[in-house]
Amino acid sequence: MRTWQVERRQRTRHLIELGGLVVKAGIVELTNDDRAIIYGALLWMADKLQSDEGKRAHHLWHAKGMQAFDAERREERMGQRTWPAVGS
């Protein structure tokens, strides 16, 4: 496979994963799939990150995201747990 094809596939996968985060956060449902609202919110985030409050927002949002990822992992582990049969 050519280099440009590999790079294109990597970029496509990256974009799909980013879109998945928008869905996972519930943004699509909450905005009724209104692309203007989603884009506006992302622009607001970018402005916030570039402001004098950027570092604070970065740390807060990072922590919230990590908490959500950790909670999801815990839920997945709990769902995969096999419980011993009653009376064993």
Protein backbone atom coordinates (compact mmCIF):
# COMPACT_ATOMS: atom_id res chain seq x y z
CA MET A 1 0.00 0.00 0.00
CA ARG A 2 1.30 3.44 -0.86
CA THR A 3 2.26 5.93 1.82
CA TRP A 4 -0.52 8.36 0.89
CA GLN A 5 -3.10 5.58 1.18
CA VAL A 6 -1.89 4.63 4.65
CA GLU A 7 -1.91 8.28 5.73
CA ARG A 8 -5.41 8.76 4.30
CA ARG A 9 -6.71 5.73 6.18
CA GLN A 10 -5.11 6.95 9.40
CA ARG A 11 -6.69 10.39 8.95
CA THR A 12 -10.09 8.83 8.18
CA ARG A 13 -9.90 6.66 11.28
CA HIS A 14 -8.93 9.68 13.38
CA LEU A 15 -11.89 11.70 12.08
CA ILE A 16 -14.29 8.81 12.71
CA GLU A 17 -13.01 8.50 16.29
CA LEU A 18 -13.51 12.25 16.86
CA GLY A 19 -17.05 12.01 15.49
CA GLY A 20 -17.64 9.08 17.81
CA LEU A 21 -16.76 11.28 20.78
CA VAL A 22 -19.43 13.77 19.73
CA VAL A 23 -21.98 10.95 19.63
CA LYS A 24 -20.70 9.37 22.87
CA ALA A 25 -21.07 12.69 24.72
CA GLY A 26 -24.71 12.84 23.64
CA ILE A 27 -24.20 16.03 21.67
CA VAL A 28 -25.95 14.75 18.55
CA GLU A 29 -29.11 13.89 20.46
CA LEU A 30 -29.03 17.00 22.64
CA THR A 31 -28.75 19.30 19.60
CA ASN A 32 -31.14 17.27 17.47
CA ASP A 33 -28.22 16.77 15.06
CA ASP A 34 -28.00 20.53 14.42
CA ARG A 35 -24.58 20.95 12.82
CA ALA A 36 -24.58 24.72 13.37
CA ILE A 37 -25.01 24.26 17.13
CA ILE A 38 -22.29 21.60 17.25
CA TYR A 39 -19.90 23.73 15.19
CA GLY A 40 -20.70 26.81 17.28
CA ALA A 41 -20.00 24.92 20.49
CA LEU A 42 -16.67 23.69 19.11
CA LEU A 43 -15.76 27.24 18.09
CA TRP A 44 -16.67 28.41 21.60
CA MET A 45 -14.36 25.72 23.02
CA ALA A 46 -11.53 26.84 20.74
CA ASP A 47 -12.02 30.47 21.80
CA LYS A 48 -12.05 29.45 25.46
CA LEU A 49 -8.85 27.42 25.07
CA GLN A 50 -7.12 30.39 23.41
CA SER A 51 -8.23 32.83 26.12
CA ASP A 52 -6.53 33.67 29.39
CA GLU A 53 -8.73 30.97 30.96
CA GLY A 54 -7.42 28.38 28.50
CA LYS A 55 -5.17 26.47 30.88
CA ARG A 56 -7.90 26.22 33.49
CA ALA A 57 -10.47 25.04 30.93
CA HIS A 58 -7.97 22.54 29.54
CA HIS A 59 -7.34 21.02 32.95
CA LEU A 60 -11.04 20.95 33.91
CA TRP A 61 -12.18 19.41 30.63
CA HIS A 62 -9.33 16.91 30.61
CA ALA A 63 -10.18 15.76 34.13
CA LYS A 64 -13.88 15.44 33.28
CA GLY A 65 -13.06 13.42 30.16
CA MET A 66 -10.71 11.12 32.03
CA GLN A 67 -13.37 10.54 34.71
CA ALA A 68 -15.89 9.63 32.01
CA PHE A 69 -13.45 7.24 30.28
CA ASP A 70 -12.60 5.62 33.64
CA ALA A 71 -16.29 5.21 34.54
CA GLU A 72 -16.94 3.64 31.15
CA ARG A 73 -14.08 1.18 31.63
CA ARG A 74 -15.39 0.25 35.08
CA GLU A 75 -18.88 -0.33 33.66
CA GLU A 76 -17.45 -2.49 30.88
CA ARG A 77 -15.48 -4.56 33.40
CA MET A 78 -18.56 -5.00 35.57
CA GLY A 79 -20.57 -6.12 32.56
CA GLN A 80 -17.92 -8.69 31.62
CA ARG A 81 -17.57 -10.06 35.14
CA THR A 82 -18.67 -13.65 35.43
CA TRP A 83 -20.37 -14.39 38.72
CA PRO A 84 -20.03 -17.82 40.32
CA ALA A 85 -23.13 -19.97 40.10
CA VAL A 86 -25.35 -20.05 43.18
CA GLY A 87 -24.33 -22.87 45.47
CA SER A 88 -20.84 -23.29 44.02
